[in-house]
N, C-alpha and C. Protein backbone atom coordinates (compact mmCIF):
# COMPACT_ATOMS: atom_id res chain seq x y z
N UNK A 1 61.60 63.85 -77.33
CA UNK A 1 60.06 64.10 -76.66
C UNK A 1 60.16 64.11 -75.12
N UNK A 2 59.54 65.02 -74.48
CA UNK A 2 59.48 65.08 -73.10
C UNK A 2 58.87 63.83 -72.48
N UNK A 3 59.44 63.64 -71.42
CA UNK A 3 58.82 62.64 -70.55
C UNK A 3 57.80 63.04 -69.64
N UNK A 4 56.47 62.71 -69.93
CA UNK A 4 55.38 63.32 -69.22
C UNK A 4 55.36 62.66 -67.77
N UNK A 5 55.67 61.36 -67.55
CA UNK A 5 55.81 61.09 -66.15
C UNK A 5 56.96 61.64 -65.22
N UNK A 6 58.15 61.96 -65.86
CA UNK A 6 59.11 62.72 -65.14
C UNK A 6 58.71 63.90 -64.76
N UNK A 7 57.90 64.55 -65.69
CA UNK A 7 57.48 66.09 -65.54
C UNK A 7 56.53 66.13 -64.25
N UNK A 8 55.56 64.91 -64.34
CA UNK A 8 54.63 64.86 -63.56
C UNK A 8 54.80 64.55 -62.00
N UNK A 9 56.03 63.72 -61.89
CA UNK A 9 56.45 63.37 -60.75
C UNK A 9 57.10 64.52 -60.13
N UNK A 10 57.83 65.33 -60.94
CA UNK A 10 58.57 66.43 -60.47
C UNK A 10 57.73 67.71 -59.92
N UNK A 11 56.39 67.76 -60.78
CA UNK A 11 55.52 68.64 -60.19
C UNK A 11 54.88 68.19 -58.85
N UNK A 12 54.51 67.08 -58.91
CA UNK A 12 53.83 66.55 -57.83
C UNK A 12 54.70 66.80 -56.47
N UNK A 13 56.13 66.32 -56.60
CA UNK A 13 57.22 66.45 -55.54
C UNK A 13 57.30 67.92 -55.00
N UNK A 14 57.29 68.87 -55.97
CA UNK A 14 57.36 70.28 -55.74
C UNK A 14 56.01 70.73 -54.83
N UNK A 15 54.81 70.17 -55.45
CA UNK A 15 53.78 70.71 -54.88
C UNK A 15 53.51 70.37 -53.44
N UNK A 16 54.01 68.70 -53.29
CA UNK A 16 53.71 68.31 -52.06
C UNK A 16 54.89 69.10 -50.81
N UNK A 17 55.91 69.40 -51.64
CA UNK A 17 56.98 70.07 -50.63
C UNK A 17 56.44 71.55 -50.36
N UNK A 18 55.53 72.24 -51.06
CA UNK A 18 54.93 73.47 -50.77
C UNK A 18 54.01 73.26 -49.64
N UNK A 19 53.07 72.48 -50.03
CA UNK A 19 51.93 71.97 -49.04
C UNK A 19 52.60 71.64 -47.70
N UNK A 20 53.50 70.77 -47.58
CA UNK A 20 54.17 70.43 -46.35
C UNK A 20 54.84 71.37 -45.56
N UNK A 21 55.30 72.38 -46.20
CA UNK A 21 56.00 73.52 -45.74
C UNK A 21 54.85 74.52 -44.89
N UNK A 22 53.86 74.84 -45.67
CA UNK A 22 52.99 75.70 -45.40
C UNK A 22 52.12 74.88 -44.20
N UNK A 23 51.85 73.75 -44.36
CA UNK A 23 51.22 72.86 -43.03
C UNK A 23 52.00 72.25 -42.11
N UNK A 24 53.15 72.48 -41.98
CA UNK A 24 54.09 71.68 -41.13
C UNK A 24 53.78 71.91 -39.60
N UNK A 25 52.96 72.81 -39.28
CA UNK A 25 52.57 72.81 -37.94
C UNK A 25 51.54 72.00 -37.55
N UNK A 26 50.62 71.37 -38.73
CA UNK A 26 49.64 70.53 -38.17
C UNK A 26 49.91 68.95 -38.23
N UNK A 27 49.46 68.21 -37.43
CA UNK A 27 49.73 66.83 -37.26
C UNK A 27 49.17 65.95 -38.31
N UNK A 28 49.14 66.52 -39.35
CA UNK A 28 48.34 65.72 -40.60
C UNK A 28 49.69 65.42 -41.52
N UNK A 29 49.69 63.87 -41.72
CA UNK A 29 50.91 63.52 -42.56
C UNK A 29 50.81 64.15 -44.13
N UNK A 30 51.90 63.98 -44.52
CA UNK A 30 52.12 64.65 -45.95
C UNK A 30 50.90 64.31 -47.02
N UNK A 31 50.80 62.83 -47.06
CA UNK A 31 49.74 62.46 -48.12
C UNK A 31 48.40 62.69 -47.61
N UNK A 32 48.02 62.91 -46.46
CA UNK A 32 46.78 63.29 -46.04
C UNK A 32 45.99 64.47 -46.21
N UNK A 33 46.92 65.66 -46.67
CA UNK A 33 46.46 66.73 -46.88
C UNK A 33 45.24 66.88 -47.85
N UNK A 34 45.50 66.19 -48.94
CA UNK A 34 44.23 66.03 -49.87
C UNK A 34 43.19 65.51 -49.36
N UNK A 35 43.18 64.44 -48.49
CA UNK A 35 41.89 63.79 -48.09
C UNK A 35 41.18 64.85 -47.27
N UNK A 36 42.03 65.59 -46.57
CA UNK A 36 41.38 66.40 -45.48
C UNK A 36 40.86 67.56 -46.30
N UNK A 37 41.56 68.05 -47.28
CA UNK A 37 40.80 69.15 -48.11
C UNK A 37 39.60 68.86 -48.76
N UNK A 38 39.54 67.65 -49.37
CA UNK A 38 38.27 67.23 -49.99
C UNK A 38 37.29 67.18 -48.97
N UNK A 39 37.45 66.33 -47.85
CA UNK A 39 36.52 66.37 -46.81
C UNK A 39 35.90 67.57 -46.32
N UNK A 40 36.83 68.47 -46.30
CA UNK A 40 36.42 69.94 -45.59
C UNK A 40 35.49 70.58 -46.50
N UNK A 41 35.70 70.35 -47.99
CA UNK A 41 34.89 70.96 -49.10
C UNK A 41 33.47 70.30 -49.48
N UNK A 42 33.61 68.94 -48.80
CA UNK A 42 32.38 68.04 -49.24
C UNK A 42 32.09 67.26 -48.04
N UNK A 43 31.60 67.88 -47.08
CA UNK A 43 31.24 67.35 -45.90
C UNK A 43 30.14 66.07 -46.22
N UNK A 44 30.27 64.98 -45.61
CA UNK A 44 29.14 63.97 -45.75
C UNK A 44 29.42 63.08 -47.11
N UNK A 45 30.72 63.22 -47.37
CA UNK A 45 31.35 62.43 -48.57
C UNK A 45 31.46 60.99 -47.82
N UNK A 46 31.30 59.69 -48.68
CA UNK A 46 31.75 58.48 -48.49
C UNK A 46 33.06 58.22 -48.61
N UNK A 47 33.61 57.26 -48.15
CA UNK A 47 35.18 56.89 -48.32
C UNK A 47 35.34 56.53 -49.74
N UNK A 48 34.03 55.91 -50.30
CA UNK A 48 34.20 55.39 -51.84
C UNK A 48 34.28 56.46 -52.68
N UNK A 49 33.41 57.59 -52.31
CA UNK A 49 33.29 58.71 -53.22
C UNK A 49 34.61 59.49 -53.17
N UNK A 50 35.16 59.51 -51.79
CA UNK A 50 36.52 60.17 -51.90
C UNK A 50 37.50 59.53 -52.44
N UNK A 51 37.71 58.14 -52.39
CA UNK A 51 38.74 57.47 -53.14
C UNK A 51 38.26 57.71 -54.71
N UNK A 52 37.35 57.85 -55.30
CA UNK A 52 36.83 58.23 -56.85
C UNK A 52 37.14 59.51 -56.93
N UNK A 53 36.98 60.58 -56.18
CA UNK A 53 37.15 61.99 -56.41
C UNK A 53 38.82 61.99 -56.36
N UNK A 54 39.52 61.60 -55.84
CA UNK A 54 40.98 61.53 -55.62
C UNK A 54 41.61 60.58 -56.60
N UNK A 55 40.88 59.73 -57.04
CA UNK A 55 41.46 58.74 -57.92
C UNK A 55 42.58 57.97 -57.18
N UNK A 56 42.22 57.73 -55.93
CA UNK A 56 43.15 56.77 -55.21
C UNK A 56 42.44 55.48 -54.72
N UNK A 57 43.28 54.30 -54.54
CA UNK A 57 42.56 53.10 -54.08
C UNK A 57 41.95 53.21 -52.62
N UNK A 58 40.93 52.09 -52.51
CA UNK A 58 40.18 52.24 -51.36
C UNK A 58 41.08 52.25 -50.03
N UNK A 59 42.04 51.28 -50.14
CA UNK A 59 42.86 50.96 -48.92
C UNK A 59 43.75 51.95 -48.47
N UNK A 60 44.04 52.76 -49.33
CA UNK A 60 44.92 53.86 -49.11
C UNK A 60 43.85 55.10 -48.48
N UNK A 61 42.73 55.18 -48.79
CA UNK A 61 41.81 55.92 -48.52
C UNK A 61 41.32 55.61 -47.11
N UNK A 62 41.35 54.29 -46.95
CA UNK A 62 40.81 54.05 -45.52
C UNK A 62 41.94 54.19 -44.49
N UNK A 63 43.29 54.23 -45.00
CA UNK A 63 44.39 54.49 -43.87
C UNK A 63 44.40 55.88 -43.54
N UNK A 64 44.22 56.76 -44.59
CA UNK A 64 44.16 58.22 -44.29
C UNK A 64 42.99 58.67 -43.63
N UNK A 65 41.82 58.25 -43.84
CA UNK A 65 40.80 58.66 -43.05
C UNK A 65 41.01 58.17 -41.46
N UNK A 66 41.32 57.01 -41.41
CA UNK A 66 41.72 56.32 -40.19
C UNK A 66 42.62 57.31 -39.35
N UNK A 67 43.65 57.95 -40.02
CA UNK A 67 44.67 58.60 -39.41
C UNK A 67 43.99 59.86 -38.92
N UNK A 68 42.94 60.52 -40.00
CA UNK A 68 42.41 61.77 -39.67
C UNK A 68 41.49 61.73 -38.72
N UNK A 69 40.74 60.42 -38.34
CA UNK A 69 40.03 60.26 -37.16
C UNK A 69 40.69 60.29 -36.07
N UNK A 70 41.92 59.22 -35.89
CA UNK A 70 42.60 59.46 -34.74
C UNK A 70 43.24 60.50 -34.47
N UNK A 71 43.56 61.50 -35.14
CA UNK A 71 44.23 62.81 -34.70
C UNK A 71 42.77 63.74 -34.40
N UNK A 72 41.65 63.24 -34.62
CA UNK A 72 40.51 64.08 -34.28
C UNK A 72 39.82 65.20 -35.07
N UNK A 73 40.40 65.09 -36.36
CA UNK A 73 39.92 66.14 -37.26
C UNK A 73 38.83 65.61 -38.19
N UNK A 74 38.47 64.45 -38.07
CA UNK A 74 37.35 63.80 -39.00
C UNK A 74 36.57 62.64 -38.08
N UNK A 75 35.30 62.61 -38.36
CA UNK A 75 34.44 61.79 -37.76
C UNK A 75 33.56 61.11 -38.85
N UNK A 76 32.99 59.66 -38.48
CA UNK A 76 32.27 59.02 -39.34
C UNK A 76 30.83 58.96 -38.81
N UNK A 77 29.82 59.28 -39.70
CA UNK A 77 28.28 59.24 -39.27
C UNK A 77 27.63 58.27 -40.23
N UNK A 78 26.85 57.33 -39.54
CA UNK A 78 26.10 56.44 -40.52
C UNK A 78 25.02 57.53 -41.09
N UNK A 79 24.88 56.84 -42.30
CA UNK A 79 24.13 57.56 -43.40
C UNK A 79 22.64 57.48 -42.78
N UNK A 80 21.72 58.68 -42.71
CA UNK A 80 20.42 58.34 -42.09
C UNK A 80 19.54 57.69 -42.97
N UNK A 81 19.87 57.76 -44.44
CA UNK A 81 18.82 57.04 -45.46
C UNK A 81 19.26 55.58 -45.49
N UNK A 82 20.62 55.38 -45.45
CA UNK A 82 21.08 54.07 -45.75
C UNK A 82 21.98 53.86 -45.01
N UNK A 83 21.91 52.93 -43.85
CA UNK A 83 22.62 52.74 -42.86
C UNK A 83 23.97 51.91 -43.30
N UNK A 84 24.02 51.40 -44.33
CA UNK A 84 25.21 50.64 -44.85
C UNK A 84 26.32 51.67 -45.15
N UNK A 85 25.97 53.18 -45.32
CA UNK A 85 27.20 53.82 -45.52
C UNK A 85 27.55 54.65 -44.42
N UNK A 86 28.87 55.11 -44.43
CA UNK A 86 29.17 56.21 -43.51
C UNK A 86 29.58 57.25 -44.11
N UNK A 87 29.21 58.44 -43.54
CA UNK A 87 29.74 59.74 -44.10
C UNK A 87 30.75 60.40 -43.48
N UNK A 88 31.69 61.14 -43.91
CA UNK A 88 32.56 61.81 -43.18
C UNK A 88 32.32 63.29 -42.93
N UNK A 89 32.53 63.85 -41.75
CA UNK A 89 32.29 65.14 -41.59
C UNK A 89 33.67 65.72 -40.60
N UNK A 90 33.87 66.86 -40.73
CA UNK A 90 35.06 67.62 -40.04
C UNK A 90 34.41 67.51 -38.52
N UNK A 91 35.22 67.26 -37.57
CA UNK A 91 35.09 67.73 -36.27
C UNK A 91 35.03 69.07 -35.95
N UNK A 92 35.03 69.63 -34.66
CA UNK A 92 35.27 71.02 -34.52
C UNK A 92 36.68 71.36 -34.50
N UNK A 93 37.56 70.43 -34.10
CA UNK A 93 39.02 70.57 -34.34
C UNK A 93 39.56 70.66 -35.69
N UNK A 94 38.76 69.87 -36.83
CA UNK A 94 38.93 69.97 -37.96
C UNK A 94 38.62 71.15 -38.63
N UNK A 95 37.42 71.80 -38.22
CA UNK A 95 36.84 72.90 -38.69
C UNK A 95 37.83 74.16 -38.34
N UNK A 96 38.55 74.04 -37.19
CA UNK A 96 39.49 75.29 -36.90
C UNK A 96 40.60 75.19 -37.78
N UNK A 97 41.10 74.13 -38.41
CA UNK A 97 42.21 74.18 -39.17
C UNK A 97 41.73 74.24 -40.70
N UNK A 98 40.36 73.95 -41.00
CA UNK A 98 40.01 73.79 -42.27
C UNK A 98 40.37 75.25 -43.17
N UNK A 99 40.33 76.39 -42.76
CA UNK A 99 40.57 77.75 -43.29
C UNK A 99 42.10 77.80 -43.69
N UNK A 100 43.00 77.20 -42.78
CA UNK A 100 44.36 76.97 -43.22
C UNK A 100 44.69 76.08 -44.50
N UNK A 101 43.92 75.02 -44.30
CA UNK A 101 44.43 73.94 -45.29
C UNK A 101 43.74 74.44 -46.59
N UNK A 102 42.61 75.01 -46.66
CA UNK A 102 41.88 75.56 -47.88
C UNK A 102 42.63 76.66 -48.51
N UNK A 103 43.22 77.75 -47.44
CA UNK A 103 43.93 78.68 -48.09
C UNK A 103 45.22 78.23 -48.87
N UNK A 104 45.94 77.34 -48.25
CA UNK A 104 47.02 76.45 -48.94
C UNK A 104 46.83 75.99 -50.10
N UNK A 105 45.80 75.27 -50.30
CA UNK A 105 45.67 74.84 -51.50
C UNK A 105 45.17 75.78 -52.51
N UNK A 106 44.54 76.62 -52.01
CA UNK A 106 44.11 77.96 -53.10
C UNK A 106 45.43 78.62 -53.51
N UNK A 107 46.45 78.67 -52.45
CA UNK A 107 47.83 79.23 -52.70
C UNK A 107 48.49 78.41 -53.99
N UNK A 108 48.25 76.96 -53.72
CA UNK A 108 48.94 76.00 -54.63
C UNK A 108 48.30 76.20 -55.88
N UNK A 109 47.14 76.36 -56.10
CA UNK A 109 46.38 76.62 -57.43
C UNK A 109 46.92 77.86 -58.13
N UNK A 110 47.03 78.82 -57.35
CA UNK A 110 47.47 80.22 -57.95
C UNK A 110 49.03 80.01 -58.25
N UNK A 111 49.97 79.38 -57.48
CA UNK A 111 51.14 79.00 -57.97
C UNK A 111 51.45 78.44 -59.35
N UNK A 112 50.63 77.15 -59.59
CA UNK A 112 50.66 76.35 -60.48
C UNK A 112 49.94 77.14 -61.94
N UNK A 113 49.07 78.09 -61.81
CA UNK A 113 48.47 78.46 -62.83
C UNK A 113 49.02 80.13 -63.10
N UNK A 114 50.13 80.35 -62.33
CA UNK A 114 50.50 81.76 -62.60
C UNK A 114 51.22 82.06 -64.06
N UNK A 115 50.98 82.96 -64.72
CA UNK A 115 51.44 83.24 -65.91
C UNK A 115 50.79 82.11 -67.01
N UNK A 116 49.53 81.53 -66.68
CA UNK A 116 48.78 80.85 -67.61
C UNK A 116 47.64 81.52 -68.07
N UNK A 117 47.21 81.39 -69.26
CA UNK A 117 45.76 82.18 -69.68
C UNK A 117 44.78 81.06 -69.25
N UNK A 118 43.29 81.39 -69.19
CA UNK A 118 42.42 80.77 -69.15
C UNK A 118 42.23 79.42 -70.17
N UNK A 119 42.64 79.69 -71.45
CA UNK A 119 42.86 78.61 -72.30
C UNK A 119 43.82 77.79 -72.01
N UNK A 120 45.20 78.31 -71.72
CA UNK A 120 46.26 77.33 -71.36
C UNK A 120 45.67 76.36 -70.23
N UNK A 121 45.01 76.86 -69.29
CA UNK A 121 44.60 76.14 -68.09
C UNK A 121 43.27 75.05 -68.53
N UNK A 122 42.49 75.47 -69.38
CA UNK A 122 41.65 74.60 -69.81
C UNK A 122 42.20 73.42 -70.85
N UNK A 123 42.94 73.82 -71.52
CA UNK A 123 43.71 72.84 -72.64
C UNK A 123 44.50 71.95 -71.60
N UNK A 124 45.24 72.35 -70.52
CA UNK A 124 46.18 71.50 -69.93
C UNK A 124 45.04 70.63 -69.09
N UNK A 125 44.08 70.86 -68.42
CA UNK A 125 43.09 70.25 -67.68
C UNK A 125 42.70 69.25 -68.56
N UNK A 126 42.23 69.54 -69.80
CA UNK A 126 41.88 68.53 -70.90
C UNK A 126 42.73 67.48 -71.22
N UNK A 127 44.20 68.01 -71.49
CA UNK A 127 44.99 66.84 -71.97
C UNK A 127 45.46 66.06 -70.37
N UNK A 128 45.46 66.41 -69.26
CA UNK A 128 45.61 65.57 -68.17
C UNK A 128 44.68 64.89 -67.92
N UNK A 129 43.31 65.15 -68.31
CA UNK A 129 42.24 64.00 -68.00
C UNK A 129 42.42 63.05 -69.18
N UNK A 130 42.73 63.25 -70.18
CA UNK A 130 42.67 62.42 -71.30
C UNK A 130 43.84 61.23 -70.95
N UNK A 131 45.13 61.81 -70.33
CA UNK A 131 46.28 61.03 -70.03
C UNK A 131 45.61 59.87 -68.77
N UNK A 132 44.70 60.59 -67.95
CA UNK A 132 44.44 59.95 -66.66
C UNK A 132 43.51 58.75 -67.32
N UNK A 133 42.73 59.05 -68.10
CA UNK A 133 41.88 58.10 -68.56
C UNK A 133 42.54 57.03 -69.41
N UNK A 134 43.50 57.39 -69.99
CA UNK A 134 44.51 56.31 -70.73
C UNK A 134 45.08 55.51 -69.77
N UNK A 135 45.69 55.94 -68.61
CA UNK A 135 46.11 55.09 -67.63
C UNK A 135 44.99 54.44 -66.88
N UNK A 136 43.88 54.95 -66.41
CA UNK A 136 42.99 54.48 -65.81
C UNK A 136 42.20 53.29 -66.32
N UNK A 137 42.01 53.31 -67.78
CA UNK A 137 41.22 52.39 -68.58
C UNK A 137 42.04 51.36 -68.57
N UNK A 138 43.42 51.20 -68.70
CA UNK A 138 44.21 50.25 -68.84
C UNK A 138 44.74 49.43 -67.65
N UNK A 139 44.59 50.14 -66.63
CA UNK A 139 45.12 49.74 -65.25
C UNK A 139 44.48 50.35 -64.04
N UNK A 140 43.58 49.45 -63.65
CA UNK A 140 42.70 49.68 -62.48
C UNK A 140 43.32 50.10 -61.32
N UNK A 141 43.08 50.96 -60.46
CA UNK A 141 43.44 51.44 -59.28
C UNK A 141 43.32 50.48 -57.99
């Protein structure tokens, strides 16, 4: 029987290697590309929403966002309707690099889905969501 965890880890490592290689000229750390990508596509997202979207713990998200802010790519703004929330937006510096990051993530999706039919992709996503639900329901992140 195939070891799902081993395959998943190998896929993740390879994808991170591709992303890191393509974005090596940016001073964004390896694990922070995902955060930047989501913020660039969903400006105004909160850190809590970002954590939920990426299925990542709040402390990990806080560290990544802090680094992106320190690098000058992201800024926080108080929510105009509810001042308890801070929303995340790209700075002008972030907007300059967003197209390169988006293009890299698009390329990664193309690489991962090459030679797969739409049905293959849909079935794989369904199975991966079920696996994530199994893991998430038994062990909170």
